[in-house]
Amino acid sequence: MIDLRSDTGTKPTPAMREAMATAEVGDEQEREDPTVTKLERRTAELLGHEEAVYLPTATMGNQIALAILGERGAELIVEERAHIMVSELGGAAYHSGLQTRGVPGYRGRISAEQVRATFWNDGEFWTPRMSVLALENTHNTSGGTVWPLAELRETVAAARELGLRAHLDGARLMNAVVASGVSATEIASGFDTVTLCLSKGLGCPLGALIAGSRELMHQARVEKHRFGGAMRQAGIVAAAGLYALDHNVDRLADDHARARRLGEAWAEAGLPVDLELVQTNFVQIDVASIGLTEEEALARIREQGLLLSQTRPGVLRAVTSLEIDDDAVEQALTAIPRALEAVRV
């Protein structure tokens, strides 16, 4: 079975396992694990921030960011289909007392004008004040799309004008870096906080980081403990992160090329694929437009020996990663059209 459901299915390679097995470890909670410390310092430098904190997951990172940046009873502004909005179980309200206002985006992006338009007039007693803007790059449900740097900066600048703090959900930030040719520092340094996930395209079994100023990262460590994210000899898994930063960033271009190949072949076969959205390692198929439910389409595809996943109503996605080689792509090129051809015709 060829599994194209997500890049979260990546498994550590033998070389990564060797790095994990030989990692020097200590008590991470006491900040005595040298491998964790090395990963935190390296990630902070990579993202253009003073300090970083190692965490079990990027969702925890996003929720910690909202907890330390937000104000209870105030608003979080976010694109309406961002991960924070649709895939984190209402955590902004549950953990931080934030009211979330979803703004319709274009390919996962919201403009500076949209941010300004959401602003409540100052002094109105009955309206919540805006507190945090959260953006996502790449944007998951839009198909792994990438923010143009100038537009990203304009949107953050508008937030600053209004007195908002800004968080970047950079779960797949390194995909954006590789696809755009813009450095991680250029993308991330203008935010108060940024998260980076290690367990997707970078191929680690778990782990993420949040980065920001020293003051904010001190607060992040407090929230990490409160969230239950403090660990002990975590250098064993942090070593995977160091290995990934050394070996698995540039190779993301291979994932992107394979996704592009799939998208172009499927579009040429007549399937409803928007090639303008195939910017990184995602390919979306609009099965609703050919009269199929997601369940029907997934079942047909599974019969051909492949697994895809739903990304939003009526749309399936295929995601390339370390686990998908050229042979798997060759099989998927024809198997997916074969699975859906009768319906399309």
C-alpha atoms as a PDB file:
ATOM      1  CA  MET A   1       0.000   0.000   0.000  1.00  0.00           C
ATOM      2  CA  ILE A   2       1.401   3.401  -1.020  1.00  0.00           C
ATOM      3  CA  ASP A   3       0.600   5.890   1.734  1.00  0.00           C
ATOM      4  CA  LEU A   4       0.142   9.449   0.445  1.00  0.00           C
ATOM      5  CA  ARG A   5      -2.040  10.595   3.329  1.00  0.00           C
ATOM      6  CA  SER A   6       0.492  12.876   5.036  1.00  0.00           C
ATOM      7  CA  ASP A   7       4.173  13.642   5.551  1.00  0.00           C
ATOM      8  CA  THR A   8       3.588  12.875   9.241  1.00  0.00           C
ATOM      9  CA  GLY A   9       4.038   9.204   8.379  1.00  0.00           C
ATOM     10  CA  THR A  10       7.786   9.569   7.877  1.00  0.00           C
ATOM     11  CA  LYS A  11       9.962   7.157   9.819  1.00  0.00           C
ATOM     12  CA  PRO A  12      13.538   7.783  10.989  1.00  0.00           C
ATOM     13  CA  THR A  13      16.154   6.497   8.558  1.00  0.00           C
ATOM     14  CA  PRO A  14      18.930   4.161   9.737  1.00  0.00           C
ATOM     15  CA  ALA A  15      21.334   7.122   9.851  1.00  0.00           C
ATOM     16  CA  MET A  16      18.894   9.151  11.940  1.00  0.00           C
ATOM     17  CA  ARG A  17      18.407   6.186  14.272  1.00  0.00           C
ATOM     18  CA  GLU A  18      22.176   5.962  14.683  1.00  0.00           C
ATOM     19  CA  ALA A  19      22.319   9.649  15.633  1.00  0.00           C
ATOM     20  CA  MET A  20      19.593   9.038  18.187  1.00  0.00           C
ATOM     21  CA  ALA A  21      21.289   5.958  19.623  1.00  0.00           C
ATOM     22  CA  THR A  22      24.561   7.782  20.194  1.00  0.00           C
ATOM     23  CA  ALA A  23      23.108  11.076  21.490  1.00  0.00           C
ATOM     24  CA  GLU A  24      24.536  12.607  24.642  1.00  0.00           C
ATOM     25  CA  VAL A  25      21.666  13.149  27.086  1.00  0.00           C
ATOM     26  CA  GLY A  26      20.799  14.762  30.399  1.00  0.00           C
ATOM     27  CA  ASP A  27      17.789  16.134  32.257  1.00  0.00           C
ATOM     28  CA  GLU A  28      15.982  18.303  29.715  1.00  0.00           C
ATOM     29  CA  GLN A  29      13.607  19.736  32.302  1.00  0.00           C
ATOM     30  CA  GLU A  30      16.604  21.068  34.245  1.00  0.00           C
ATOM     31  CA  ARG A  31      18.155  22.306  30.959  1.00  0.00           C
ATOM     32  CA  GLU A  32      21.011  19.820  31.399  1.00  0.00           C
ATOM     33  CA  ASP A  33      20.564  17.863  28.169  1.00  0.00           C
ATOM     34  CA  PRO A  34      23.367  18.996  25.829  1.00  0.00           C
ATOM     35  CA  THR A  35      21.704  17.666  22.680  1.00  0.00           C
ATOM     36  CA  VAL A  36      18.451  19.498  23.391  1.00  0.00           C
ATOM     37  CA  THR A  37      20.401  22.677  24.155  1.00  0.00           C
ATOM     38  CA  LYS A  38      22.312  22.384  20.881  1.00  0.00           C
ATOM     39  CA  LEU A  39      19.088  21.920  18.911  1.00  0.00           C
ATOM     40  CA  GLU A  40      17.454  24.897  20.624  1.00  0.00           C
ATOM     41  CA  ARG A  41      20.414  27.179  19.922  1.00  0.00           C
ATOM     42  CA  ARG A  42      20.673  26.086  16.330  1.00  0.00           C
ATOM     43  CA  THR A  43      16.959  26.553  15.697  1.00  0.00           C
ATOM     44  CA  ALA A  44      16.916  30.009  17.287  1.00  0.00           C
ATOM     45  CA  GLU A  45      19.730  31.056  14.958  1.00  0.00           C
ATOM     46  CA  LEU A  46      17.999  29.474  11.964  1.00  0.00           C
ATOM     47  CA  LEU A  47      14.779  31.391  12.646  1.00  0.00           C
ATOM     48  CA  GLY A  48      16.421  34.695  13.547  1.00  0.00           C
ATOM     49  CA  HIS A  49      15.353  34.760  17.193  1.00  0.00           C
ATOM     50  CA  GLU A  50      17.146  34.947  20.525  1.00  0.00           C
ATOM     51  CA  GLU A  51      16.056  31.630  21.944  1.00  0.00           C
ATOM     52  CA  ALA A  52      14.075  28.487  21.142  1.00  0.00           C
ATOM     53  CA  VAL A  53      12.348  25.844  23.260  1.00  0.00           C
ATOM     54  CA  TYR A  54      12.124  22.161  22.322  1.00  0.00           C
ATOM     55  CA  LEU A  55       8.624  20.673  22.527  1.00  0.00           C
ATOM     56  CA  PRO A  56       6.882  17.356  21.804  1.00  0.00           C
ATOM     57  CA  THR A  57       4.566  18.790  19.104  1.00  0.00           C
ATOM     58  CA  ALA A  58       3.944  21.862  16.958  1.00  0.00           C
ATOM     59  CA  THR A  59       0.341  22.049  18.158  1.00  0.00           C
ATOM     60  CA  MET A  60       1.693  22.516  21.680  1.00  0.00           C
ATOM     61  CA  GLY A  61       3.971  25.199  20.260  1.00  0.00           C
ATOM     62  CA  ASN A  62       1.073  27.067  18.687  1.00  0.00           C
ATOM     63  CA  GLN A  63      -0.966  26.875  21.878  1.00  0.00           C
ATOM     64  CA  ILE A  64       1.945  28.052  24.006  1.00  0.00           C
ATOM     65  CA  ALA A  65       2.437  30.978  21.623  1.00  0.00           C
ATOM     66  CA  LEU A  66      -1.206  32.009  21.980  1.00  0.00           C
ATOM     67  CA  ALA A  67      -0.998  31.663  25.760  1.00  0.00           C
ATOM     68  CA  ILE A  68       2.025  33.954  26.079  1.00  0.00           C
ATOM     69  CA  LEU A  69       1.049  36.470  23.390  1.00  0.00           C
ATOM     70  CA  GLY A  70      -2.711  36.679  23.880  1.00  0.00           C
ATOM     71  CA  GLU A  71      -4.966  38.408  26.332  1.00  0.00           C
ATOM     72  CA  ARG A  72      -7.927  36.555  27.841  1.00  0.00           C
ATOM     73  CA  GLY A  73     -11.206  37.802  26.408  1.00  0.00           C
ATOM     74  CA  ALA A  74      -9.459  39.362  23.413  1.00  0.00           C
ATOM     75  CA  GLU A  75      -9.486  38.199  19.799  1.00  0.00           C
ATOM     76  CA  LEU A  76      -7.172  35.984  17.821  1.00  0.00           C
ATOM     77  CA  ILE A  77      -7.204  36.821  14.101  1.00  0.00           C
ATOM     78  CA  VAL A  78      -6.418  33.876  11.829  1.00  0.00           C
ATOM     79  CA  GLU A  79      -7.213  32.616   8.333  1.00  0.00           C
ATOM     80  CA  GLU A  80     -10.465  30.677   8.535  1.00  0.00           C
ATOM     81  CA  ARG A  81      -9.007  27.294   7.490  1.00  0.00           C
ATOM     82  CA  ALA A  82      -5.642  27.576   9.232  1.00  0.00           C
ATOM     83  CA  HIS A  83      -4.450  24.672  11.373  1.00  0.00           C
ATOM     84  CA  ILE A  84      -4.955  26.694  14.566  1.00  0.00           C
ATOM     85  CA  MET A  85      -8.560  27.281  13.515  1.00  0.00           C
ATOM     86  CA  VAL A  86      -9.628  23.835  12.303  1.00  0.00           C
ATOM     87  CA  SER A  87      -7.242  21.233  13.720  1.00  0.00           C
ATOM     88  CA  GLU A  88      -6.379  22.188  17.299  1.00  0.00           C
ATOM     89  CA  LEU A  89      -9.708  21.463  19.022  1.00  0.00           C
ATOM     90  CA  GLY A  90     -10.545  25.059  19.921  1.00  0.00           C
ATOM     91  CA  GLY A  91      -7.357  25.297  21.947  1.00  0.00           C
ATOM     92  CA  ALA A  92      -7.184  29.092  21.731  1.00  0.00           C
ATOM     93  CA  ALA A  93     -10.442  29.379  23.656  1.00  0.00           C
ATOM     94  CA  TYR A  94      -9.869  26.371  25.905  1.00  0.00           C
ATOM     95  CA  HIS A  95      -6.355  27.207  27.034  1.00  0.00           C
ATOM     96  CA  SER A  96      -6.003  30.959  26.591  1.00  0.00           C
ATOM     97  CA  GLY A  97      -9.506  32.450  26.710  1.00  0.00           C
ATOM     98  CA  LEU A  98      -9.137  33.875  23.215  1.00  0.00           C
ATOM     99  CA  GLN A  99     -12.082  34.479  20.922  1.00  0.00           C
ATOM    100  CA  THR A 100     -11.034  33.394  17.444  1.00  0.00           C
ATOM    101  CA  ARG A 101     -12.099  35.358  14.387  1.00  0.00           C
ATOM    102  CA  GLY A 102     -11.532  33.470  11.155  1.00  0.00           C
ATOM    103  CA  VAL A 103     -10.861  35.598   8.084  1.00  0.00           C
ATOM    104  CA  PRO A 104     -11.396  34.152   4.582  1.00  0.00           C
ATOM    105  CA  GLY A 105      -8.062  33.868   2.844  1.00  0.00           C
ATOM    106  CA  TYR A 106      -6.682  33.586  -0.663  1.00  0.00           C
ATOM    107  CA  ARG A 107      -4.580  30.427  -0.858  1.00  0.00           C
ATOM    108  CA  GLY A 108      -4.310  30.576   2.916  1.00  0.00           C
ATOM    109  CA  ARG A 109      -3.186  34.200   2.977  1.00  0.00           C
ATOM    110  CA  ILE A 110      -4.946  37.206   4.515  1.00  0.00           C
ATOM    111  CA  SER A 111      -4.034  40.693   3.415  1.00  0.00           C
ATOM    112  CA  ALA A 112      -2.996  43.765   5.351  1.00  0.00           C
ATOM    113  CA  GLU A 113      -6.303  45.354   4.330  1.00  0.00           C
ATOM    114  CA  GLN A 114      -8.238  42.434   5.804  1.00  0.00           C
ATOM    115  CA  VAL A 115      -6.380  42.737   9.096  1.00  0.00           C
ATOM    116  CA  ARG A 116      -7.165  46.452   9.289  1.00  0.00           C
ATOM    117  CA  ALA A 117     -10.816  45.773   8.394  1.00  0.00           C
ATOM    118  CA  THR A 118     -11.217  43.419  11.367  1.00  0.00           C
ATOM    119  CA  PHE A 119     -10.206  46.121  13.852  1.00  0.00           C
ATOM    120  CA  TRP A 120     -12.859  47.214  16.356  1.00  0.00           C
ATOM    121  CA  ASN A 121     -13.060  50.938  17.083  1.00  0.00           C
ATOM    122  CA  ASP A 122     -11.164  51.864  20.227  1.00  0.00           C
ATOM    123  CA  GLY A 123     -13.189  52.651  23.307  1.00  0.00           C
ATOM    124  CA  GLU A 124     -16.239  50.550  22.459  1.00  0.00           C
ATOM    125  CA  PHE A 125     -17.011  48.937  25.797  1.00  0.00           C
ATOM    126  CA  TRP A 126     -18.911  45.924  24.461  1.00  0.00           C
ATOM    127  CA  THR A 127     -16.507  44.761  21.721  1.00  0.00           C
ATOM    128  CA  PRO A 128     -13.426  42.580  22.282  1.00  0.00           C
ATOM    129  CA  ARG A 129     -10.066  44.098  21.470  1.00  0.00           C
ATOM    130  CA  MET A 130      -7.752  42.355  19.019  1.00  0.00           C
ATOM    131  CA  SER A 131      -4.758  40.708  20.627  1.00  0.00           C
ATOM    132  CA  VAL A 132      -2.897  38.292  18.324  1.00  0.00           C
ATOM    133  CA  LEU A 133      -2.526  37.644  14.600  1.00  0.00           C
ATOM    134  CA  ALA A 134      -1.492  34.087  13.643  1.00  0.00           C
ATOM    135  CA  LEU A 135      -0.386  33.190  10.112  1.00  0.00           C
ATOM    136  CA  GLU A 136       0.531  29.784   8.621  1.00  0.00           C
ATOM    137  CA  ASN A 137       3.320  29.131   6.097  1.00  0.00           C
ATOM    138  CA  THR A 138       3.045  26.765   4.288  1.00  0.00           C
ATOM    139  CA  HIS A 139      -0.735  26.644   4.546  1.00  0.00           C
ATOM    140  CA  ASN A 140      -1.966  23.085   5.055  1.00  0.00           C
ATOM    141  CA  THR A 141      -5.580  23.080   3.878  1.00  0.00           C
ATOM    142  CA  SER A 142      -4.861  25.350   0.920  1.00  0.00           C
ATOM    143  CA  GLY A 143      -2.530  22.690  -0.434  1.00  0.00           C
ATOM    144  CA  GLY A 144       0.857  23.494   1.049  1.00  0.00           C
ATOM    145  CA  THR A 145       0.874  26.986  -0.445  1.00  0.00           C
ATOM    146  CA  VAL A 146       3.626  29.510   0.266  1.00  0.00           C
ATOM    147  CA  TRP A 147       3.350  33.146   1.320  1.00  0.00           C
ATOM    148  CA  PRO A 148       5.232  35.653  -0.883  1.00  0.00           C
ATOM    149  CA  LEU A 149       7.644  37.394   1.492  1.00  0.00           C
ATOM    150  CA  ALA A 150       6.557  40.943   0.668  1.00  0.00           C
ATOM    151  CA  GLU A 151       2.897  40.112   1.285  1.00  0.00           C
ATOM    152  CA  LEU A 152       3.724  38.337   4.540  1.00  0.00           C
ATOM    153  CA  ARG A 153       5.619  41.364   5.783  1.00  0.00           C
ATOM    154  CA  GLU A 154       2.827  43.745   4.794  1.00  0.00           C
ATOM    155  CA  THR A 155       0.272  41.722   6.749  1.00  0.00           C
ATOM    156  CA  VAL A 156       2.488  41.577   9.831  1.00  0.00           C
ATOM    157  CA  ALA A 157       3.163  45.308   9.537  1.00  0.00           C
ATOM    158  CA  ALA A 158      -0.583  45.985   9.553  1.00  0.00           C
ATOM    159  CA  ALA A 159      -0.888  43.946  12.735  1.00  0.00           C
ATOM    160  CA  ARG A 160       1.888  45.992  14.320  1.00  0.00           C
ATOM    161  CA  GLU A 161       0.106  49.223  13.377  1.00  0.00           C
ATOM    162  CA  LEU A 162      -2.897  48.006  15.349  1.00  0.00           C
ATOM    163  CA  GLY A 163      -0.860  46.979  18.380  1.00  0.00           C
ATOM    164  CA  LEU A 164      -1.170  43.227  17.775  1.00  0.00           C
ATOM    165  CA  ARG A 165       1.411  40.585  18.490  1.00  0.00           C
ATOM    166  CA  ALA A 166       2.188  38.142  15.696  1.00  0.00           C
ATOM    167  CA  HIS A 167       2.739  34.384  15.639  1.00  0.00           C
ATOM    168  CA  LEU A 168       3.866  32.247  12.706  1.00  0.00           C
ATOM    169  CA  ASP A 169       2.704  28.638  12.543  1.00  0.00           C
ATOM    170  CA  GLY A 170       5.726  27.375  10.646  1.00  0.00           C
ATOM    171  CA  ALA A 171       5.006  23.670  10.941  1.00  0.00           C
ATOM    172  CA  ARG A 172       6.187  23.260   7.333  1.00  0.00           C
ATOM    173  CA  LEU A 173       8.306  26.403   7.254  1.00  0.00           C
ATOM    174  CA  MET A 174      11.284  24.619   5.702  1.00  0.00           C
ATOM    175  CA  ASN A 175       9.086  23.580   2.771  1.00  0.00           C
ATOM    176  CA  ALA A 176       8.357  27.267   2.254  1.00  0.00           C
ATOM    177  CA  VAL A 177      12.079  28.060   2.478  1.00  0.00           C
ATOM    178  CA  VAL A 178      13.023  25.461  -0.131  1.00  0.00           C
ATOM    179  CA  ALA A 179      10.152  26.352  -2.471  1.00  0.00           C
ATOM    180  CA  SER A 180      10.680  30.119  -2.341  1.00  0.00           C
ATOM    181  CA  GLY A 181      14.435  30.375  -1.964  1.00  0.00           C
ATOM    182  CA  VAL A 182      13.876  32.798   0.938  1.00  0.00           C
ATOM    183  CA  SER A 183      15.739  32.052   4.167  1.00  0.00           C
ATOM    184  CA  ALA A 184      13.986  30.920   7.324  1.00  0.00           C
ATOM    185  CA  THR A 185      15.326  34.009   9.098  1.00  0.00           C
ATOM    186  CA  GLU A 186      13.791  36.362   6.536  1.00  0.00           C
ATOM    187  CA  ILE A 187      10.415  34.653   6.872  1.00  0.00           C
ATOM    188  CA  ALA A 188      10.329  34.146  10.647  1.00  0.00           C
ATOM    189  CA  SER A 189      12.287  36.930  12.294  1.00  0.00           C
ATOM    190  CA  GLY A 190       9.526  39.537  12.018  1.00  0.00           C
ATOM    191  CA  PHE A 191       7.160  37.565  14.264  1.00  0.00           C
ATOM    192  CA  ASP A 192       7.052  37.562  18.058  1.00  0.00           C
ATOM    193  CA  THR A 193       6.986  33.773  18.047  1.00  0.00           C
ATOM    194  CA  VAL A 194       7.356  31.039  15.446  1.00  0.00           C
ATOM    195  CA  THR A 195       6.895  27.274  15.590  1.00  0.00           C
ATOM    196  CA  LEU A 196       8.776  24.699  13.527  1.00  0.00           C
ATOM    197  CA  CYS A 197       7.729  21.046  13.279  1.00  0.00           C
ATOM    198  CA  LEU A 198      10.346  18.312  12.915  1.00  0.00           C
ATOM    199  CA  SER A 199       8.049  15.314  12.405  1.00  0.00           C
ATOM    200  CA  LYS A 200       6.680  16.133   8.943  1.00  0.00           C
ATOM    201  CA  GLY A 201       8.893  16.564   5.894  1.00  0.00           C
ATOM    202  CA  LEU A 202      12.014  16.738   8.050  1.00  0.00           C
ATOM    203  CA  GLY A 203      11.450  13.088   8.944  1.00  0.00           C
ATOM    204  CA  CYS A 204      11.777  12.994  12.743  1.00  0.00           C
ATOM    205  CA  PRO A 205       9.672  10.630  14.851  1.00  0.00           C
ATOM    206  CA  LEU A 206       8.464  13.572  16.981  1.00  0.00           C
ATOM    207  CA  GLY A 207       9.389  17.058  18.105  1.00  0.00           C
ATOM    208  CA  ALA A 208       8.910  20.748  17.406  1.00  0.00           C
ATOM    209  CA  LEU A 209      10.307  24.069  18.569  1.00  0.00           C
ATOM    210  CA  ILE A 210       9.004  27.508  19.408  1.00  0.00           C
ATOM    211  CA  ALA A 211      11.310  30.509  19.042  1.00  0.00           C
ATOM    212  CA  GLY A 212      11.156  34.132  20.163  1.00  0.00           C
ATOM    213  CA  SER A 213      12.812  36.606  22.488  1.00  0.00           C
ATOM    214  CA  ARG A 214      14.500  35.431  25.697  1.00  0.00           C
ATOM    215  CA  GLU A 215      11.707  36.961  27.746  1.00  0.00           C
ATOM    216  CA  LEU A 216       9.001  35.226  25.742  1.00  0.00           C
ATOM    217  CA  MET A 217      10.857  31.924  25.744  1.00  0.00           C
ATOM    218  CA  HIS A 218      11.128  32.073  29.537  1.00  0.00           C
ATOM    219  CA  GLN A 219       7.326  32.304  29.563  1.00  0.00           C
ATOM    220  CA  ALA A 220       7.188  29.519  26.976  1.00  0.00           C
ATOM    221  CA  ARG A 221       9.148  27.216  29.287  1.00  0.00           C
ATOM    222  CA  VAL A 222       6.654  27.910  32.071  1.00  0.00           C
ATOM    223  CA  GLU A 223       3.755  27.082  29.733  1.00  0.00           C
ATOM    224  CA  LYS A 224       5.585  24.019  28.436  1.00  0.00           C
ATOM    225  CA  HIS A 225       5.678  22.644  31.964  1.00  0.00           C
ATOM    226  CA  ARG A 226       2.038  23.632  32.534  1.00  0.00           C
ATOM    227  CA  PHE A 227       1.007  21.869  29.323  1.00  0.00           C
ATOM    228  CA  GLY A 228       2.839  18.711  30.428  1.00  0.00           C
ATOM    229  CA  GLY A 229       5.512  19.052  27.773  1.00  0.00           C
ATOM    230  CA  ALA A 230       8.584  18.977  30.014  1.00  0.00           C
ATOM    231  CA  MET A 231      10.753  15.928  29.378  1.00  0.00           C
ATOM    232  CA  ARG A 232      13.836  14.223  30.816  1.00  0.00           C
ATOM    233  CA  GLN A 233      16.501  12.580  28.614  1.00  0.00           C
ATOM    234  CA  ALA A 234      15.026  14.101  25.481  1.00  0.00           C
ATOM    235  CA  GLY A 235      18.358  14.311  23.689  1.00  0.00           C
ATOM    236  CA  ILE A 236      17.569  10.927  22.181  1.00  0.00           C
ATOM    237  CA  VAL A 237      14.822  12.493  20.065  1.00  0.00           C
ATOM    238  CA  ALA A 238      16.405  15.955  19.812  1.00  0.00           C
ATOM    239  CA  ALA A 239      19.322  14.262  18.046  1.00  0.00           C
ATOM    240  CA  ALA A 240      16.890  13.368  15.271  1.00  0.00           C
ATOM    241  CA  GLY A 241      16.128  17.070  14.896  1.00  0.00           C
ATOM    242  CA  LEU A 242      19.802  17.968  14.556  1.00  0.00           C
ATOM    243  CA  TYR A 243      20.240  15.206  11.991  1.00  0.00           C
ATOM    244  CA  ALA A 244      17.210  16.482  10.069  1.00  0.00           C
ATOM    245  CA  LEU A 245      18.526  20.039   9.916  1.00  0.00           C
ATOM    246  CA  ASP A 246      21.816  18.699   8.566  1.00  0.00           C
ATOM    247  CA  HIS A 247      20.453  16.218   6.030  1.00  0.00           C
ATOM    248  CA  ASN A 248      16.719  16.607   5.362  1.00  0.00           C
ATOM    249  CA  VAL A 249      16.155  20.250   4.457  1.00  0.00           C
ATOM    250  CA  ASP A 250      17.610  20.463   0.942  1.00  0.00           C
ATOM    251  CA  ARG A 251      16.035  17.121   0.030  1.00  0.00           C
ATOM    252  CA  LEU A 252      12.566  18.648   0.503  1.00  0.00           C
ATOM    253  CA  ALA A 253      13.038  19.787  -3.104  1.00  0.00           C
ATOM    254  CA  ASP A 254      12.715  16.115  -4.104  1.00  0.00           C
ATOM    255  CA  ASP A 255       9.325  15.928  -2.380  1.00  0.00           C
ATOM    256  CA  HIS A 256       8.228  19.072  -4.197  1.00  0.00           C
ATOM    257  CA  ALA A 257       9.374  17.746  -7.566  1.00  0.00           C
ATOM    258  CA  ARG A 258       7.526  14.467  -7.029  1.00  0.00           C
ATOM    259  CA  ALA A 259       4.345  16.280  -6.026  1.00  0.00           C
ATOM    260  CA  ARG A 260       4.612  18.454  -9.123  1.00  0.00           C
ATOM    261  CA  ARG A 261       5.034  15.382 -11.284  1.00  0.00           C
ATOM    262  CA  LEU A 262       1.931  13.802  -9.773  1.00  0.00           C
ATOM    263  CA  GLY A 263      -0.094  16.975 -10.156  1.00  0.00           C
ATOM    264  CA  GLU A 264       0.856  17.509 -13.785  1.00  0.00           C
ATOM    265  CA  ALA A 265       0.179  13.886 -14.720  1.00  0.00           C
ATOM    266  CA  TRP A 266      -3.184  13.832 -12.996  1.00  0.00           C
ATOM    267  CA  ALA A 267      -4.222  17.134 -14.556  1.00  0.00           C
ATOM    268  CA  GLU A 268      -3.170  15.871 -17.986  1.00  0.00           C
ATOM    269  CA  ALA A 269      -5.289  12.777 -17.356  1.00  0.00           C
ATOM    270  CA  GLY A 270      -8.275  15.066 -16.836  1.00  0.00           C
ATOM    271  CA  LEU A 271      -8.530  15.030 -13.056  1.00  0.00           C
ATOM    272  CA  PRO A 272      -9.554  18.264 -11.290  1.00  0.00           C
ATOM    273  CA  VAL A 273      -6.140  19.398  -9.993  1.00  0.00           C
ATOM    274  CA  ASP A 274      -5.313  23.104  -9.669  1.00  0.00           C
ATOM    275  CA  LEU A 275      -1.629  23.170 -10.570  1.00  0.00           C
ATOM    276  CA  GLU A 276      -1.219  26.716  -9.246  1.00  0.00           C
ATOM    277  CA  LEU A 277      -1.687  25.257  -5.761  1.00  0.00           C
ATOM    278  CA  VAL A 278       0.993  22.585  -6.215  1.00  0.00           C
ATOM    279  CA  GLN A 279       3.784  24.683  -4.743  1.00  0.00           C
ATOM    280  CA  THR A 280       5.393  22.276  -2.275  1.00  0.00           C
ATOM    281  CA  ASN A 281       4.632  18.647  -1.369  1.00  0.00           C
ATOM    282  CA  PHE A 282       0.813  18.623  -1.585  1.00  0.00           C
ATOM    283  CA  VAL A 283      -1.494  17.782  -4.490  1.00  0.00           C
ATOM    284  CA  GLN A 284      -5.233  18.316  -4.103  1.00  0.00           C
ATOM    285  CA  ILE A 285      -7.968  16.602  -6.125  1.00  0.00           C
ATOM    286  CA  ASP A 286     -11.447  18.145  -6.151  1.00  0.00           C
ATOM    287  CA  VAL A 287     -13.456  14.911  -6.200  1.00  0.00           C
ATOM    288  CA  ALA A 288     -16.739  16.709  -5.481  1.00  0.00           C
ATOM    289  CA  SER A 289     -16.524  18.292  -8.935  1.00  0.00           C
ATOM    290  CA  ILE A 290     -16.703  14.818 -10.505  1.00  0.00           C
ATOM    291  CA  GLY A 291     -19.648  13.765  -8.368  1.00  0.00           C
ATOM    292  CA  LEU A 292     -17.891  11.750  -5.674  1.00  0.00           C
ATOM    293  CA  THR A 293     -17.976  12.036  -1.919  1.00  0.00           C
ATOM    294  CA  GLU A 294     -14.631  11.897  -0.172  1.00  0.00           C
ATOM    295  CA  GLU A 295     -15.508   8.452   1.205  1.00  0.00           C
ATOM    296  CA  GLU A 296     -16.361   7.059  -2.242  1.00  0.00           C
ATOM    297  CA  ALA A 297     -13.204   8.450  -3.803  1.00  0.00           C
ATOM    298  CA  LEU A 298     -10.986   7.203  -0.981  1.00  0.00           C
ATOM    299  CA  ALA A 299     -12.475   3.721  -1.274  1.00  0.00           C
ATOM    300  CA  ARG A 300     -11.890   3.614  -5.053  1.00  0.00           C
ATOM    301  CA  ILE A 301      -8.310   4.797  -4.598  1.00  0.00           C
ATOM    302  CA  ARG A 302      -7.657   2.274  -1.856  1.00  0.00           C
ATOM    303  CA  GLU A 303      -8.739  -0.511  -4.207  1.00  0.00           C
ATOM    304  CA  GLN A 304      -5.834   0.557  -6.434  1.00  0.00           C
ATOM    305  CA  GLY A 305      -3.359   0.185  -3.562  1.00  0.00           C
ATOM    306  CA  LEU A 306      -3.036   3.818  -2.518  1.00  0.00           C
ATOM    307  CA  LEU A 307      -4.057   5.894   0.489  1.00  0.00           C
ATOM    308  CA  LEU A 308      -5.018   9.575   0.245  1.00  0.00           C
ATOM    309  CA  SER A 309      -6.690  11.777   2.854  1.00  0.00           C
ATOM    310  CA  GLN A 310      -9.375  14.435   3.045  1.00  0.00           C
ATOM    311  CA  THR A 311      -8.143  17.999   3.408  1.00  0.00           C
ATOM    312  CA  ARG A 312     -11.484  19.858   3.288  1.00  0.00           C
ATOM    313  CA  PRO A 313     -15.023  19.028   2.125  1.00  0.00           C
ATOM    314  CA  GLY A 314     -14.962  17.531  -1.353  1.00  0.00           C
ATOM    315  CA  VAL A 315     -11.185  17.670  -1.688  1.00  0.00           C
ATOM    316  CA  LEU A 316      -8.596  14.927  -1.234  1.00  0.00           C
ATOM    317  CA  ARG A 317      -4.863  15.395  -0.897  1.00  0.00           C
ATOM    318  CA  ALA A 318      -1.737  13.439  -1.753  1.00  0.00           C
ATOM    319  CA  VAL A 319       1.402  14.343   0.193  1.00  0.00           C
ATOM    320  CA  THR A 320       4.935  13.399  -0.787  1.00  0.00           C
ATOM    321  CA  SER A 321       7.678  12.826   1.765  1.00  0.00           C
ATOM    322  CA  LEU A 322      10.725  10.724   2.626  1.00  0.00           C
ATOM    323  CA  GLU A 323       8.510   7.653   2.444  1.00  0.00           C
ATOM    324  CA  ILE A 324       7.553   8.249  -1.210  1.00  0.00           C
ATOM    325  CA  ASP A 325      10.207   7.366  -3.791  1.00  0.00           C
ATOM    326  CA  ASP A 326      10.146   7.501  -7.583  1.00  0.00           C
ATOM    327  CA  ASP A 327       8.725   3.985  -7.856  1.00  0.00           C
ATOM    328  CA  ALA A 328       5.771   4.956  -5.660  1.00  0.00           C
ATOM    329  CA  VAL A 329       5.202   8.050  -7.781  1.00  0.00           C
ATOM    330  CA  GLU A 330       5.259   5.943 -10.960  1.00  0.00           C
ATOM    331  CA  GLN A 331       2.510   3.716  -9.591  1.00  0.00           C
ATOM    332  CA  ALA A 332       0.425   6.658  -8.369  1.00  0.00           C
ATOM    333  CA  LEU A 333       0.674   8.430 -11.725  1.00  0.00           C
ATOM    334  CA  THR A 334      -1.658   5.907 -13.334  1.00  0.00           C
ATOM    335  CA  ALA A 335      -3.442   4.331 -10.366  1.00  0.00           C
ATOM    336  CA  ILE A 336      -5.294   7.460  -9.261  1.00  0.00           C
ATOM    337  CA  PRO A 337      -6.692   8.305 -12.723  1.00  0.00           C
ATOM    338  CA  ARG A 338      -7.632   4.646 -13.121  1.00  0.00           C
ATOM    339  CA  ALA A 339      -9.503   4.729  -9.824  1.00  0.00           C
ATOM    340  CA  LEU A 340     -11.466   7.872 -10.747  1.00  0.00           C
ATOM    341  CA  GLU A 341     -11.634   7.616 -14.547  1.00  0.00           C
ATOM    342  CA  ALA A 342     -15.021   5.878 -14.850  1.00  0.00           C
ATOM    343  CA  VAL A 343     -16.684   8.514 -12.723  1.00  0.00           C
ATOM    344  CA  ARG A 344     -14.962  11.403 -14.485  1.00  0.00           C
ATOM    345  CA  VAL A 345     -16.040  10.136 -17.893  1.00  0.00           C
END
